[in-house]
Amino acid sequence: MEPSEKAQGNGGKGIERRAPPTRCAVITPHATKRAARGHVERRAPEARLEEAVGLALAIELEVVYRGLIPLSEVKPATYLGSGKVEEIAAIVEAEEIGLVFFDAALSPVQQRNLEKKWSTKVVDRTALILEIFGRRARTKEGALQVELAHLNYQRSRLVRSWTHLERQRGGFGFLGGPGETQIEADRRQIGERIIRIEKDLEQVKRTRALHRTSRKRVPYPIVALVGYTNAGKSTLFNRLTKAQVMAQDLLFATLDPTLRSVDLPHGTRIILSDTVGFISELPTQLVAAFRATLEEVIEADVILHVRDVSHPDTEAQAADVRDVLTELGIDLETGRVID
């Protein structure tokens, strides 16, 4: 959300005026048949671009340009070929674009080089999803988990930058310098903050474990709703429980888990859990950081996979959800997952 500005009017009283949204370009590279040899793409490039635009809109960016870029090979310095880089630079200047969302994983070097070429801020898929999660977090637990994921993302990029600097200097880090000293200091501060957050999250995990133990004393099975983001989990949850969980046509509208008891038509009572939605190429930092939240899924008696079968990519979305469940150590063949 963009910050508000105060304009003077009505005798000098401040009037809230929302700053205009950031003008954004969405770039989705996709491998050509030659480049993708041996790798099967689950979804059409157009569908990937549409999802990328949805991610940008989720944080209220104004998408003024969207582009599909066929790619025969990834360039180490800029990801794209020089011709495409120059073409996009002209678009960025002409459209007065303030941010480019590059829907792929960029290395620190690639990101830095593209920002120089395009003279604007560039964020990759991981960074944008982290930003969305940061804005959606409503509880202390959610905020801590997002911050942990963001710090791990930052630290990995600092480490790579440090290695790059060492190679440039031709040394092994023994020769100190202002840049190297600052990187080391930043890395140490990030590491210390990560340790503090992990301790806080350990307490969260212990508290959640105690709550689960208490619930197990009551003979109510736990049913966890899982699914692709914006598939309708929260809408179904609200309909069944008469709760007021945020349910909008928006990616990652739900971040913090919610549990409610539900009496089924035949009289059995269950505990229903609504959880964060999944997405293709979900950053590993988020999966690791949200372990405390996702344990509600791991420990559930039944995992109900909610799907939007009207979506043209429903099969690809379902496969992505199964991938995340497998990454969490859930055996899809036990019958616990209702797909």
Protein backbone atom coordinates (compact mmCIF):
# COMPACT_ATOMS: atom_id res chain seq x y z
CA MET A 1 0.00 0.00 0.00
CA GLU A 2 1.33 3.41 -0.91
CA PRO A 3 1.93 5.99 1.84
CA SER A 4 -0.53 8.83 2.28
CA GLU A 5 0.32 12.49 1.90
CA LYS A 6 -1.27 15.42 3.73
CA ALA A 7 -2.39 18.39 1.68
CA GLN A 8 -3.36 21.71 3.23
CA GLY A 9 -6.92 22.91 2.78
CA ASN A 10 -10.03 23.96 4.69
CA GLY A 11 -8.26 26.57 6.76
CA GLY A 12 -4.98 24.71 6.99
CA LYS A 13 -6.38 21.39 8.19
CA GLY A 14 -4.58 18.32 6.92
CA ILE A 15 -6.41 16.29 4.27
CA GLU A 16 -5.30 12.71 3.68
CA ARG A 17 -4.29 12.19 0.06
CA ARG A 18 -3.10 8.80 -1.09
CA ALA A 19 0.15 8.84 -3.05
CA PRO A 20 -0.19 7.39 -6.56
CA PRO A 21 0.67 3.67 -6.82
CA THR A 22 4.07 2.65 -8.14
CA ARG A 23 4.07 2.09 -11.89
CA CYS A 24 5.24 -1.46 -12.49
CA ALA A 25 6.39 -3.67 -15.36
CA VAL A 26 5.90 -7.43 -15.03
CA ILE A 27 8.42 -9.56 -16.94
CA THR A 28 7.92 -13.33 -17.21
CA PRO A 29 10.74 -15.21 -18.95
CA HIS A 30 9.89 -18.63 -20.34
CA ALA A 31 12.12 -21.30 -21.82
CA THR A 32 11.79 -22.08 -25.51
CA LYS A 33 11.44 -25.72 -26.56
CA ARG A 34 15.17 -25.92 -27.19
CA ALA A 35 16.02 -24.45 -23.78
CA ALA A 36 13.40 -26.54 -21.96
CA ARG A 37 14.59 -29.84 -23.42
CA GLY A 38 14.06 -32.55 -20.80
CA HIS A 39 11.99 -30.24 -18.58
CA VAL A 40 8.19 -30.28 -18.73
CA GLU A 41 6.45 -26.97 -17.97
CA ARG A 42 3.25 -27.48 -15.97
CA ARG A 43 1.52 -24.32 -17.14
CA ALA A 44 1.37 -22.22 -20.27
CA PRO A 45 3.57 -19.09 -20.36
CA GLU A 46 0.45 -16.91 -20.62
CA ALA A 47 -0.92 -18.42 -17.41
CA ARG A 48 2.40 -17.79 -15.64
CA LEU A 49 2.31 -14.16 -16.75
CA GLU A 50 -1.27 -13.78 -15.53
CA GLU A 51 -0.30 -15.14 -12.11
CA ALA A 52 2.71 -12.80 -11.98
CA VAL A 53 0.43 -9.83 -12.68
CA GLY A 54 -1.82 -11.05 -9.84
CA LEU A 55 1.17 -11.05 -7.48
CA ALA A 56 1.97 -7.45 -8.43
CA LEU A 57 -1.66 -6.38 -7.95
CA ALA A 58 -1.69 -8.07 -4.53
CA ILE A 59 0.47 -5.22 -3.19
CA GLU A 60 -1.39 -2.55 -5.17
CA LEU A 61 1.23 -1.93 -7.84
CA GLU A 62 -0.05 -0.31 -11.03
CA VAL A 63 0.86 -2.72 -13.82
CA VAL A 64 1.45 -0.58 -16.91
CA TYR A 65 3.42 -3.15 -18.91
CA ARG A 66 3.45 -6.94 -19.00
CA GLY A 67 5.82 -8.96 -21.14
CA LEU A 68 6.52 -12.61 -21.98
CA ILE A 69 10.18 -13.10 -22.88
CA PRO A 70 11.13 -16.31 -24.75
CA LEU A 71 14.49 -17.52 -23.52
CA SER A 72 16.89 -19.92 -25.22
CA GLU A 73 19.47 -19.64 -22.42
CA VAL A 74 19.99 -17.76 -19.16
CA LYS A 75 22.74 -15.14 -19.31
CA PRO A 76 24.89 -15.14 -16.12
CA ALA A 77 25.18 -11.34 -16.02
CA THR A 78 21.65 -10.17 -16.87
CA TYR A 79 19.50 -13.33 -17.23
CA LEU A 80 18.18 -11.95 -20.56
CA GLY A 81 20.07 -11.28 -23.76
CA SER A 82 21.44 -7.80 -24.39
CA GLY A 83 18.82 -7.01 -27.04
CA LYS A 84 15.91 -7.71 -24.69
CA VAL A 85 17.59 -5.81 -21.88
CA GLU A 86 17.87 -2.72 -24.10
CA GLU A 87 14.29 -3.14 -25.35
CA ILE A 88 12.93 -3.23 -21.80
CA ALA A 89 15.13 -0.27 -20.82
CA ALA A 90 13.38 1.82 -23.49
CA ILE A 91 9.95 0.72 -22.19
CA VAL A 92 10.91 1.53 -18.59
CA GLU A 93 11.95 5.03 -19.61
CA ALA A 94 8.97 5.68 -21.88
CA GLU A 95 6.40 4.43 -19.35
CA GLU A 96 8.12 6.05 -16.34
CA ILE A 97 8.20 2.69 -14.58
CA GLY A 98 9.31 2.76 -10.94
CA LEU A 99 9.65 -0.98 -10.37
CA VAL A 100 10.23 -4.07 -12.52
CA PHE A 101 8.92 -7.38 -11.20
CA PHE A 102 11.04 -10.09 -12.79
CA ASP A 103 9.11 -13.34 -12.36
CA ALA A 104 12.08 -15.66 -11.81
CA ALA A 105 14.88 -16.16 -9.30
CA LEU A 106 17.63 -13.60 -9.93
CA SER A 107 21.14 -13.82 -8.56
CA PRO A 108 22.42 -10.70 -6.73
CA VAL A 109 24.69 -9.93 -9.70
CA GLN A 110 21.83 -10.24 -12.20
CA GLN A 111 19.57 -8.03 -10.10
CA ARG A 112 22.25 -5.36 -9.66
CA ASN A 113 23.13 -5.35 -13.37
CA LEU A 114 19.49 -5.09 -14.45
CA GLU A 115 18.90 -2.20 -12.05
CA LYS A 116 21.86 -0.38 -13.60
CA LYS A 117 20.66 -1.08 -17.15
CA TRP A 118 17.05 -0.10 -16.44
CA SER A 119 17.74 2.69 -13.90
CA THR A 120 14.94 1.44 -11.65
CA LYS A 121 14.26 -0.98 -8.81
CA VAL A 122 14.13 -4.68 -9.79
CA VAL A 123 12.60 -7.41 -7.58
CA ASP A 124 12.47 -11.12 -8.32
CA ARG A 125 9.72 -13.64 -7.52
CA THR A 126 11.02 -14.52 -4.06
CA ALA A 127 11.34 -10.87 -3.00
CA LEU A 128 7.82 -9.99 -4.15
CA ILE A 129 6.21 -12.98 -2.41
CA LEU A 130 8.11 -12.05 0.78
CA GLU A 131 6.74 -8.50 0.45
CA ILE A 132 3.17 -9.80 0.07
CA PHE A 133 3.55 -12.04 3.12
CA GLY A 134 4.98 -9.13 5.11
CA ARG A 135 1.92 -7.01 4.35
CA ARG A 136 -0.54 -9.82 5.11
CA ALA A 137 0.90 -10.81 8.52
CA ARG A 138 -1.57 -9.82 11.24
CA THR A 139 -0.17 -11.62 14.29
CA LYS A 140 3.20 -11.46 16.04
CA GLU A 141 3.80 -15.07 15.01
CA GLY A 142 3.12 -14.31 11.35
CA ALA A 143 5.32 -11.20 11.41
CA LEU A 144 8.20 -13.15 13.00
CA GLN A 145 7.97 -15.91 10.41
CA VAL A 146 7.98 -13.43 7.53
CA GLU A 147 10.92 -11.54 9.02
CA LEU A 148 12.86 -14.79 9.43
CA ALA A 149 12.27 -15.69 5.79
CA HIS A 150 13.28 -12.20 4.66
CA LEU A 151 16.48 -12.22 6.75
CA ASN A 152 17.50 -15.62 5.37
CA TYR A 153 16.90 -14.27 1.86
CA GLN A 154 19.00 -11.18 2.65
CA ARG A 155 21.78 -13.19 4.23
CA SER A 156 22.09 -15.54 1.26
CA ARG A 157 22.50 -12.55 -1.03
CA LEU A 158 25.08 -10.94 1.25
CA VAL A 159 27.09 -14.16 1.24
CA ARG A 160 27.02 -14.33 -2.54
CA SER A 161 28.03 -10.68 -2.84
CA TRP A 162 30.91 -11.32 -0.44
CA THR A 163 32.13 -14.26 -2.50
CA HIS A 164 31.88 -12.12 -5.63
CA LEU A 165 33.96 -9.37 -4.00
CA GLU A 166 36.61 -11.88 -2.94
CA ARG A 167 36.92 -13.17 -6.50
CA GLN A 168 37.26 -9.62 -7.80
CA ARG A 169 40.09 -8.90 -5.36
CA GLY A 170 41.78 -12.22 -6.09
CA GLY A 171 42.11 -12.99 -2.39
CA PHE A 172 40.62 -15.21 0.27
CA GLY A 173 39.18 -12.60 2.61
CA PHE A 174 42.33 -11.99 4.62
CA LEU A 175 42.76 -8.44 3.34
CA GLY A 176 40.25 -6.20 5.09
CA GLY A 177 38.50 -3.31 3.42
CA PRO A 178 35.55 -0.98 4.05
CA GLY A 179 33.20 -2.92 1.76
CA GLU A 180 34.16 -6.30 3.16
CA THR A 181 33.99 -5.04 6.75
CA GLN A 182 30.47 -3.68 6.17
CA ILE A 183 29.29 -6.92 4.59
CA GLU A 184 30.68 -8.90 7.52
CA ALA A 185 28.98 -6.53 9.97
CA ASP A 186 25.66 -6.77 8.13
CA ARG A 187 25.93 -10.54 8.01
CA ARG A 188 26.67 -10.72 11.74
CA GLN A 189 23.71 -8.46 12.61
CA ILE A 190 21.39 -10.51 10.41
CA GLY A 191 22.69 -13.72 12.00
CA GLU A 192 22.07 -12.40 15.51
CA ARG A 193 18.54 -11.31 14.63
CA ILE A 194 17.82 -14.71 13.05
CA ILE A 195 18.91 -16.47 16.26
CA ARG A 196 16.57 -14.27 18.34
CA ILE A 197 13.61 -14.87 16.02
CA GLU A 198 14.25 -18.62 15.93
CA LYS A 199 14.18 -18.67 19.75
CA ASP A 200 10.87 -16.78 19.74
CA LEU A 201 9.44 -19.17 17.15
CA GLU A 202 10.57 -22.16 19.21
CA GLN A 203 8.34 -20.80 21.97
CA VAL A 204 5.52 -20.45 19.43
CA LYS A 205 6.02 -24.08 18.38
CA ARG A 206 5.95 -25.23 22.01
CA THR A 207 2.76 -23.26 22.66
CA ARG A 208 1.11 -24.68 19.53
CA ALA A 209 2.22 -28.18 20.54
CA LEU A 210 0.58 -27.71 23.95
CA HIS A 211 -2.62 -26.54 22.26
CA ARG A 212 -2.59 -29.59 19.97
CA THR A 213 -2.03 -31.86 22.98
CA SER A 214 -5.02 -30.25 24.71
CA ARG A 215 -7.17 -30.71 21.61
CA LYS A 216 -6.18 -34.38 21.39
CA ARG A 217 -7.68 -34.92 24.84
CA VAL A 218 -11.00 -34.01 23.26
CA PRO A 219 -12.02 -36.66 20.69
CA TYR A 220 -12.47 -34.24 17.79
CA PRO A 221 -10.54 -34.94 14.58
CA ILE A 222 -8.56 -32.05 13.08
CA VAL A 223 -9.27 -31.28 9.41
CA ALA A 224 -6.83 -28.89 7.71
CA LEU A 225 -7.81 -27.06 4.53
CA VAL A 226 -4.95 -26.72 2.05
CA GLY A 227 -4.83 -25.51 -1.51
CA TYR A 228 -3.39 -23.12 -4.03
CA THR A 229 -3.60 -19.47 -3.08
CA ASN A 230 -6.98 -17.91 -3.93
CA ALA A 231 -8.57 -21.33 -4.53
CA GLY A 232 -11.43 -20.61 -2.11
CA LYS A 233 -10.22 -22.14 1.19
CA SER A 234 -11.23 -19.18 3.34
CA THR A 235 -14.60 -18.84 1.60
CA LEU A 236 -15.33 -22.51 2.33
CA PHE A 237 -14.02 -22.10 5.90
CA ASN A 238 -16.31 -19.10 6.51
CA ARG A 239 -19.32 -20.91 5.03
CA LEU A 240 -18.80 -23.98 7.23
CA THR A 241 -17.88 -22.17 10.46
CA LYS A 242 -19.70 -18.83 10.06
CA ALA A 243 -16.36 -17.18 10.80
CA GLN A 244 -15.15 -13.89 9.33
CA VAL A 245 -11.73 -14.88 7.99
CA MET A 246 -10.58 -12.48 5.25
CA ALA A 247 -11.77 -13.98 1.95
CA GLN A 248 -11.09 -11.90 -1.14
CA ASP A 249 -10.22 -12.45 -4.79
CA LEU A 250 -6.62 -11.75 -3.84
CA LEU A 251 -3.46 -13.85 -3.70
CA PHE A 252 -2.44 -14.78 -0.13
CA ALA A 253 -5.47 -13.09 1.49
CA THR A 254 -5.05 -15.52 4.42
CA LEU A 255 -1.69 -15.82 6.16
CA ASP A 256 -2.28 -16.60 9.83
CA PRO A 257 -3.97 -19.93 10.68
CA THR A 258 -7.50 -20.01 12.11
CA LEU A 259 -9.22 -22.94 13.85
CA ARG A 260 -12.95 -23.37 14.55
CA SER A 261 -15.17 -26.26 15.64
CA VAL A 262 -17.78 -27.48 13.17
CA ASP A 263 -20.69 -29.89 13.69
CA LEU A 264 -21.14 -32.08 10.63
CA PRO A 265 -24.68 -33.04 9.45
CA HIS A 266 -24.45 -36.54 10.95
CA GLY A 267 -23.50 -35.10 14.36
CA THR A 268 -19.72 -35.53 14.46
CA ARG A 269 -17.79 -32.49 15.64
CA ILE A 270 -14.47 -31.61 13.99
CA ILE A 271 -11.87 -28.86 14.34
CA LEU A 272 -11.42 -27.11 10.99
CA SER A 273 -8.16 -25.29 10.24
CA ASP A 274 -7.67 -22.62 7.55
CA THR A 275 -4.04 -22.11 6.49
CA VAL A 276 -1.87 -20.06 4.16
CA GLY A 277 -2.25 -20.85 0.47
CA PHE A 278 0.50 -22.42 -1.61
CA ILE A 279 1.90 -21.26 -4.95
CA SER A 280 4.25 -22.56 -7.61
CA GLU A 281 7.93 -22.05 -6.82
CA LEU A 282 7.09 -21.12 -3.23
CA PRO A 283 10.35 -19.73 -1.79
CA THR A 284 12.14 -22.31 0.34
CA GLN A 285 12.79 -19.57 2.92
CA LEU A 286 9.03 -19.25 3.45
CA VAL A 287 8.40 -22.98 3.73
CA ALA A 288 11.14 -23.21 6.38
CA ALA A 289 10.11 -20.06 8.26
CA PHE A 290 6.41 -20.98 8.34
CA ARG A 291 7.11 -24.41 9.79
CA ALA A 292 5.37 -23.45 13.05
CA THR A 293 2.20 -22.47 11.17
CA LEU A 294 2.34 -25.39 8.75
CA GLU A 295 2.61 -27.87 11.62
CA GLU A 296 -1.16 -27.42 11.91
CA VAL A 297 -1.28 -29.16 8.53
CA ILE A 298 1.41 -31.73 9.35
CA GLU A 299 -0.34 -32.80 12.56
CA ALA A 300 -3.90 -32.83 11.16
CA ASP A 301 -5.91 -36.06 11.09
CA VAL A 302 -7.30 -35.24 7.65
CA ILE A 303 -5.90 -32.85 5.02
CA LEU A 304 -8.58 -31.60 2.64
CA HIS A 305 -7.21 -30.25 -0.64
CA VAL A 306 -9.49 -27.43 -1.84
CA ARG A 307 -9.31 -26.84 -5.60
CA ASP A 308 -10.77 -24.29 -8.00
CA VAL A 309 -11.65 -26.71 -10.80
CA SER A 310 -12.88 -23.81 -12.96
CA HIS A 311 -9.34 -22.43 -13.18
CA PRO A 312 -7.63 -23.30 -16.49
CA ASP A 313 -4.47 -24.34 -14.59
CA THR A 314 -6.24 -26.41 -11.94
CA GLU A 315 -4.15 -29.54 -12.61
CA ALA A 316 -0.86 -27.63 -12.44
CA GLN A 317 -1.99 -25.90 -9.24
CA ALA A 318 -2.90 -29.25 -7.68
CA ALA A 319 0.54 -30.63 -8.57
CA ASP A 320 2.20 -27.61 -6.93
CA VAL A 321 0.19 -28.16 -3.73
CA ARG A 322 1.22 -31.83 -3.66
CA ASP A 323 4.86 -30.77 -4.07
CA VAL A 324 4.67 -28.52 -0.99
CA LEU A 325 2.93 -31.23 1.06
CA THR A 326 5.67 -33.67 0.08
CA GLU A 327 8.31 -31.08 1.04
CA LEU A 328 6.64 -30.91 4.47
CA GLY A 329 7.14 -34.67 4.84
CA ILE A 330 3.48 -35.62 4.32
CA ASP A 331 2.95 -39.01 2.66
CA LEU A 332 0.31 -38.54 -0.03
CA GLU A 333 -0.37 -42.28 -0.25
CA THR A 334 -1.59 -42.86 3.32
CA GLY A 335 -5.18 -41.79 2.67
CA ARG A 336 -4.87 -38.85 5.07
CA VAL A 337 -4.93 -36.39 2.16
CA ILE A 338 -8.30 -36.03 0.43
CA ASP A 339 -7.45 -34.74 -3.02
